[in-house]
């Protein structure tokens, strides 16, 4: 189990609450940015943090949350590992103030904050359709995750709005990883019908999808349109730049701390699910 790491306080006032933050440090490219946002919001609220790395594993998640509870934290900010939600069930059952961050779960008994997924993904599909693409593929994330389900719904909604028929042969899972997305991209490009545009429904998967297209000598933007979800630093500097929906990471961290402080002050308050709208970043990978 990864040792718990206290976050050095950068404030003078007395600590109001002491929160545990459990997330897979390397599970997503933006998790370091999310952690910085959480730290800043906690400092402004006069809260101390204890960080635990779940390695994005359900087993490790259970171990680090037990350690956080043993350290008597006042509440837990959790980016849930994919798979079994036993840890979340246990926190809710024990009445531990808890906020799920980034990965929204399909439940209404715990506070949550994450990006809006359905309308955002529909917008990406509609944008491609406006560029006269008719074979628009989707690389989804890990199956069973609420985020995956919502972005798939958004994809279908975008097709419907554009007057295009859903074709299951144009949808495949990238398993929320770069390697999985590379294999998914290969399968799509070798299949029939071959897509002229691909929506990549996750930040970590964009790397693999881009790599596979380049490996095949396909010019993104000119020969294959590709859009994604996330605002990676490299997406601005590669040629062509990647058209994406950028998640509001800073606001996500701020709202997560706010929700957890409110939960500690009002334990009986009705749980709230906060959906933050992503920002459309238009670059050249879509062929525009």
Protein backbone atom coordinates (compact mmCIF):
# COMPACT_ATOMS: atom_id res chain seq x y z
CA UNK A 1 0.00 0.00 0.00
CA UNK A 2 1.28 3.44 -0.82
CA UNK A 3 2.21 5.34 2.32
CA UNK A 4 -0.02 8.21 3.27
CA UNK A 5 1.62 11.50 2.44
CA UNK A 6 0.68 14.63 4.38
CA UNK A 7 0.40 17.68 2.17
CA UNK A 8 2.47 20.53 3.57
CA UNK A 9 0.16 23.34 4.75
CA UNK A 10 0.66 26.71 3.11
CA UNK A 11 -1.64 28.77 5.33
CA UNK A 12 -1.49 30.45 8.72
CA UNK A 13 -5.03 30.05 10.15
CA UNK A 14 -5.89 27.01 12.30
CA UNK A 15 -6.96 23.91 10.39
CA UNK A 16 -10.76 23.65 10.13
CA UNK A 17 -11.00 20.10 8.76
CA UNK A 18 -8.57 17.35 7.84
CA UNK A 19 -9.48 15.51 4.64
CA UNK A 20 -8.16 12.40 2.97
CA UNK A 21 -7.65 12.48 -0.81
CA UNK A 22 -7.59 9.06 -2.49
CA UNK A 23 -6.88 8.82 -6.21
CA UNK A 24 -4.68 7.01 -8.70
CA UNK A 25 -1.84 9.49 -9.23
CA UNK A 26 -0.99 8.14 -12.68
CA UNK A 27 -4.42 6.89 -13.77
CA UNK A 28 -5.16 9.97 -15.87
CA UNK A 29 -2.85 12.58 -17.40
CA UNK A 30 -4.74 15.36 -15.61
CA UNK A 31 -4.71 13.93 -12.07
CA UNK A 32 -1.73 16.03 -11.01
CA UNK A 33 -3.61 19.14 -12.13
CA UNK A 34 -6.68 17.96 -10.24
CA UNK A 35 -4.61 17.41 -7.11
CA UNK A 36 -3.09 20.89 -7.38
CA UNK A 37 -6.59 22.36 -7.67
CA UNK A 38 -7.74 20.40 -4.60
CA UNK A 39 -4.68 21.55 -2.62
CA UNK A 40 -5.29 25.19 -3.52
CA UNK A 41 -8.98 25.03 -2.62
CA UNK A 42 -8.21 23.26 0.66
CA UNK A 43 -5.60 25.88 1.59
CA UNK A 44 -8.08 28.68 0.97
CA UNK A 45 -10.67 26.89 3.11
CA UNK A 46 -8.18 26.32 5.94
CA UNK A 47 -8.24 22.54 5.52
CA UNK A 48 -5.39 20.05 5.87
CA UNK A 49 -4.99 17.15 3.41
CA UNK A 50 -3.66 13.63 3.60
CA UNK A 51 -2.91 12.09 0.21
CA UNK A 52 -3.18 8.37 -0.62
CA UNK A 53 -2.45 6.76 -4.00
CA UNK A 54 -4.99 4.07 -4.95
CA UNK A 55 -3.04 3.04 -8.08
CA UNK A 56 -6.53 3.05 -9.67
CA UNK A 57 -7.07 -0.42 -8.18
CA UNK A 58 -10.16 -1.44 -6.20
CA UNK A 59 -8.04 -3.52 -3.83
CA UNK A 60 -5.54 -0.71 -3.19
CA UNK A 61 -8.40 1.77 -2.90
CA UNK A 62 -9.95 -0.26 -0.07
CA UNK A 63 -6.60 -0.41 1.74
CA UNK A 64 -5.82 3.30 1.54
CA UNK A 65 -9.35 4.34 2.53
CA UNK A 66 -9.08 2.09 5.60
CA UNK A 67 -5.78 3.81 6.43
CA UNK A 68 -7.35 7.23 6.01
CA UNK A 69 -10.22 6.26 8.29
CA UNK A 70 -7.75 4.94 10.88
CA UNK A 71 -6.03 8.32 10.74
CA UNK A 72 -9.37 9.90 11.70
CA UNK A 73 -9.80 12.22 8.73
CA UNK A 74 -12.97 14.32 8.79
CA UNK A 75 -13.93 13.40 5.26
CA UNK A 76 -12.75 11.74 2.05
CA UNK A 77 -12.33 13.00 -1.51
CA UNK A 78 -12.27 9.94 -3.73
CA UNK A 79 -11.62 9.44 -7.44
CA UNK A 80 -13.18 5.95 -7.58
CA UNK A 81 -11.20 3.12 -9.12
CA UNK A 82 -13.10 1.37 -11.93
CA UNK A 83 -14.92 -1.78 -10.91
CA UNK A 84 -16.53 -2.73 -7.61
CA UNK A 85 -18.09 0.18 -5.67
CA UNK A 86 -17.79 -1.58 -2.31
CA UNK A 87 -15.54 1.18 -0.94
CA UNK A 88 -18.09 3.88 -1.76
CA UNK A 89 -20.87 1.74 -0.30
CA UNK A 90 -18.88 1.35 2.91
CA UNK A 91 -18.17 5.08 3.25
CA UNK A 92 -21.86 5.90 2.72
CA UNK A 93 -22.99 3.20 5.14
CA UNK A 94 -20.63 4.47 7.87
CA UNK A 95 -21.75 8.06 7.34
CA UNK A 96 -18.27 9.28 6.39
CA UNK A 97 -18.47 12.69 4.65
CA UNK A 98 -17.46 11.75 1.11
CA UNK A 99 -17.24 13.44 -2.28
CA UNK A 100 -16.64 11.45 -5.46
CA UNK A 101 -14.54 13.46 -7.90
CA UNK A 102 -14.24 13.24 -11.69
CA UNK A 103 -15.75 9.76 -12.13
CA UNK A 104 -19.44 10.30 -11.52
CA UNK A 105 -21.30 7.22 -10.27
CA UNK A 106 -24.88 6.32 -11.10
CA UNK A 107 -26.19 6.87 -7.57
CA UNK A 108 -27.84 9.62 -5.52
CA UNK A 109 -26.65 8.84 -1.98
CA UNK A 110 -23.26 10.60 -2.08
CA UNK A 111 -21.95 14.02 -3.11
CA UNK A 112 -20.24 14.06 -6.51
CA UNK A 113 -18.55 16.53 -8.83
CA UNK A 114 -17.46 15.90 -12.41
CA UNK A 115 -17.77 16.98 -16.01
CA UNK A 116 -20.96 16.98 -18.04
CA UNK A 117 -20.56 14.20 -20.58
CA UNK A 118 -23.67 13.71 -22.72
CA UNK A 119 -24.14 17.14 -24.30
CA UNK A 120 -20.38 17.65 -24.59
CA UNK A 121 -19.86 14.45 -26.56
CA UNK A 122 -22.91 15.18 -28.72
CA UNK A 123 -21.36 18.54 -29.60
CA UNK A 124 -18.15 16.82 -30.79
CA UNK A 125 -20.15 14.48 -33.04
CA UNK A 126 -22.25 17.33 -34.43
CA UNK A 127 -19.12 19.32 -35.19
CA UNK A 128 -17.74 16.42 -37.23
CA UNK A 129 -21.07 15.97 -39.00
CA UNK A 130 -21.00 19.65 -39.97
CA UNK A 131 -17.69 18.87 -41.69
CA UNK A 132 -19.68 16.35 -43.83
CA UNK A 133 -18.40 13.25 -42.05
CA UNK A 134 -20.90 10.40 -42.21
CA UNK A 135 -18.81 7.54 -40.80
CA UNK A 136 -18.01 8.81 -37.33
CA UNK A 137 -16.52 6.24 -34.96
CA UNK A 138 -16.29 6.23 -31.18
CA UNK A 139 -13.54 4.84 -28.95
CA UNK A 140 -15.15 4.38 -25.54
CA UNK A 141 -13.58 3.97 -22.12
CA UNK A 142 -13.74 1.02 -19.78
CA UNK A 143 -17.10 -0.76 -19.85
CA UNK A 144 -19.39 -0.43 -16.87
CA UNK A 145 -18.21 3.06 -15.90
CA UNK A 146 -20.88 5.76 -15.73
CA UNK A 147 -18.61 8.16 -17.65
CA UNK A 148 -18.31 5.61 -20.47
CA UNK A 149 -22.06 5.10 -20.58
CA UNK A 150 -22.76 8.84 -20.64
CA UNK A 151 -20.26 9.63 -23.37
CA UNK A 152 -21.65 6.77 -25.45
CA UNK A 153 -25.14 8.23 -24.98
CA UNK A 154 -23.76 11.60 -26.07
CA UNK A 155 -22.28 10.02 -29.18
CA UNK A 156 -25.63 8.50 -30.10
CA UNK A 157 -27.42 11.77 -29.37
CA UNK A 158 -25.00 13.64 -31.63
CA UNK A 159 -25.61 11.14 -34.45
CA UNK A 160 -29.37 11.50 -34.03
CA UNK A 161 -29.19 15.29 -34.13
CA UNK A 162 -27.08 15.09 -37.29
CA UNK A 163 -29.51 12.67 -38.96
CA UNK A 164 -26.97 9.81 -38.96
CA UNK A 165 -27.70 6.17 -38.17
CA UNK A 166 -25.95 4.44 -35.27
CA UNK A 167 -23.66 1.62 -36.42
CA UNK A 168 -22.28 -0.63 -33.63
CA UNK A 169 -19.36 -1.60 -35.91
CA UNK A 170 -18.08 1.95 -35.52
CA UNK A 171 -17.94 1.73 -31.70
CA UNK A 172 -15.17 -0.07 -29.82
CA UNK A 173 -13.61 0.10 -26.37
CA UNK A 174 -10.18 1.58 -25.75
CA UNK A 175 -10.26 0.29 -22.15
CA UNK A 176 -9.40 3.79 -20.86
CA UNK A 177 -5.72 3.29 -21.73
CA UNK A 178 -3.32 4.39 -24.46
CA UNK A 179 -2.56 0.80 -25.47
CA UNK A 180 -6.23 -0.13 -25.56
CA UNK A 181 -7.02 2.92 -27.69
CA UNK A 182 -4.21 2.06 -30.14
CA UNK A 183 -5.69 -1.42 -30.60
CA UNK A 184 -9.21 0.03 -30.92
CA UNK A 185 -8.02 2.51 -33.56
CA UNK A 186 -6.37 -0.31 -35.53
CA UNK A 187 -9.57 -2.37 -35.40
CA UNK A 188 -11.66 0.55 -36.62
CA UNK A 189 -9.32 1.42 -39.47
CA UNK A 190 -9.13 -2.20 -40.61
CA UNK A 191 -12.88 -2.74 -40.32
CA UNK A 192 -15.76 -1.99 -42.64
CA UNK A 193 -17.01 0.61 -42.95
CA UNK A 194 -13.75 2.41 -42.19
CA UNK A 195 -14.41 5.71 -40.35
CA UNK A 196 -13.48 9.11 -41.72
CA UNK A 197 -13.62 10.60 -38.21
CA UNK A 198 -13.05 9.27 -34.68
CA UNK A 199 -14.28 10.59 -31.33
CA UNK A 200 -11.91 9.47 -28.56
CA UNK A 201 -13.86 9.54 -25.29
CA UNK A 202 -10.99 9.91 -22.82
CA UNK A 203 -7.79 11.87 -22.34
CA UNK A 204 -5.43 8.96 -21.80
CA UNK A 205 -6.78 7.18 -24.89
CA UNK A 206 -6.01 10.08 -27.25
CA UNK A 207 -2.30 9.29 -27.07
CA UNK A 208 -2.83 5.74 -28.29
CA UNK A 209 -5.28 6.71 -31.01
CA UNK A 210 -2.89 9.39 -32.33
CA UNK A 211 0.06 7.00 -32.20
CA UNK A 212 -1.71 4.29 -34.21
CA UNK A 213 -2.83 6.74 -36.89
CA UNK A 214 0.72 8.11 -37.23
CA UNK A 215 2.15 4.57 -37.31
CA UNK A 216 -0.03 3.87 -40.34
CA UNK A 217 1.07 7.04 -42.07
CA UNK A 218 -2.40 8.58 -41.82
CA UNK A 219 -2.43 12.37 -41.72
CA UNK A 220 -4.77 13.43 -38.93
CA UNK A 221 -6.93 16.35 -39.98
CA UNK A 222 -6.38 15.82 -43.70
CA UNK A 223 -7.12 12.07 -44.06
CA UNK A 224 -8.74 11.25 -40.73
CA UNK A 225 -10.50 13.63 -38.39
CA UNK A 226 -9.94 13.01 -34.69
CA UNK A 227 -11.43 14.78 -31.68
CA UNK A 228 -11.22 13.96 -28.00
CA UNK A 229 -12.03 14.70 -24.40
CA UNK A 230 -9.49 16.52 -22.22
CA UNK A 231 -7.00 19.38 -22.39
CA UNK A 232 -3.52 17.84 -22.44
CA UNK A 233 -0.50 20.12 -22.84
CA UNK A 234 0.72 18.08 -25.81
CA UNK A 235 -2.61 18.50 -27.63
CA UNK A 236 -1.77 22.17 -28.16
CA UNK A 237 1.74 21.60 -29.46
CA UNK A 238 1.40 18.60 -31.79
CA UNK A 239 0.68 19.20 -35.44
CA UNK A 240 -2.18 19.37 -36.03
CA UNK A 241 -3.46 20.52 -32.65
CA UNK A 242 -6.20 18.32 -31.21
CA UNK A 243 -9.81 19.52 -31.07
CA UNK A 244 -11.12 18.56 -27.62
CA UNK A 245 -13.62 19.15 -24.87
CA UNK A 246 -11.51 20.47 -21.98
CA UNK A 247 -12.61 19.40 -18.52
CA UNK A 248 -12.82 22.23 -15.95
CA UNK A 249 -10.20 20.67 -13.66
CA UNK A 250 -9.58 23.73 -11.44
CA UNK A 251 -13.29 24.27 -10.86
CA UNK A 252 -13.72 20.56 -10.19
CA UNK A 253 -11.17 20.68 -7.37
CA UNK A 254 -12.68 23.84 -5.90
CA UNK A 255 -16.23 22.48 -5.92
CA UNK A 256 -15.12 19.15 -4.45
CA UNK A 257 -13.62 20.86 -1.39
CA UNK A 258 -16.65 23.12 -1.11
CA UNK A 259 -19.04 20.14 -1.16
CA UNK A 260 -17.01 18.26 1.45
CA UNK A 261 -16.86 21.26 3.80
CA UNK A 262 -20.63 21.71 3.42
CA UNK A 263 -21.18 17.99 4.11
CA UNK A 264 -19.12 18.21 7.32
CA UNK A 265 -21.13 21.23 8.46
CA UNK A 266 -24.51 19.77 7.45
CA UNK A 267 -24.35 15.95 7.63
CA UNK A 268 -28.07 15.59 6.88
CA UNK A 269 -28.01 17.72 3.75
CA UNK A 270 -29.32 16.00 0.61
CA UNK A 271 -26.45 14.68 -1.54
CA UNK A 272 -25.64 16.80 -4.56
CA UNK A 273 -24.24 15.85 -7.97
CA UNK A 274 -22.47 18.80 -9.61
CA UNK A 275 -21.97 18.68 -13.37
CA UNK A 276 -19.48 21.17 -14.79
CA UNK A 277 -19.63 22.06 -18.48
CA UNK A 278 -16.44 21.35 -20.46
CA UNK A 279 -15.01 23.97 -22.84
CA UNK A 280 -14.84 23.31 -26.59
CA UNK A 281 -11.28 23.85 -27.85
CA UNK A 282 -11.27 24.05 -31.63
CA UNK A 283 -8.00 23.12 -33.29
CA UNK A 284 -7.02 21.50 -36.60
CA UNK A 285 -7.32 17.74 -35.94
CA UNK A 286 -10.98 17.83 -36.99
CA UNK A 287 -9.98 18.97 -40.47
CA UNK A 288 -11.17 22.54 -40.07
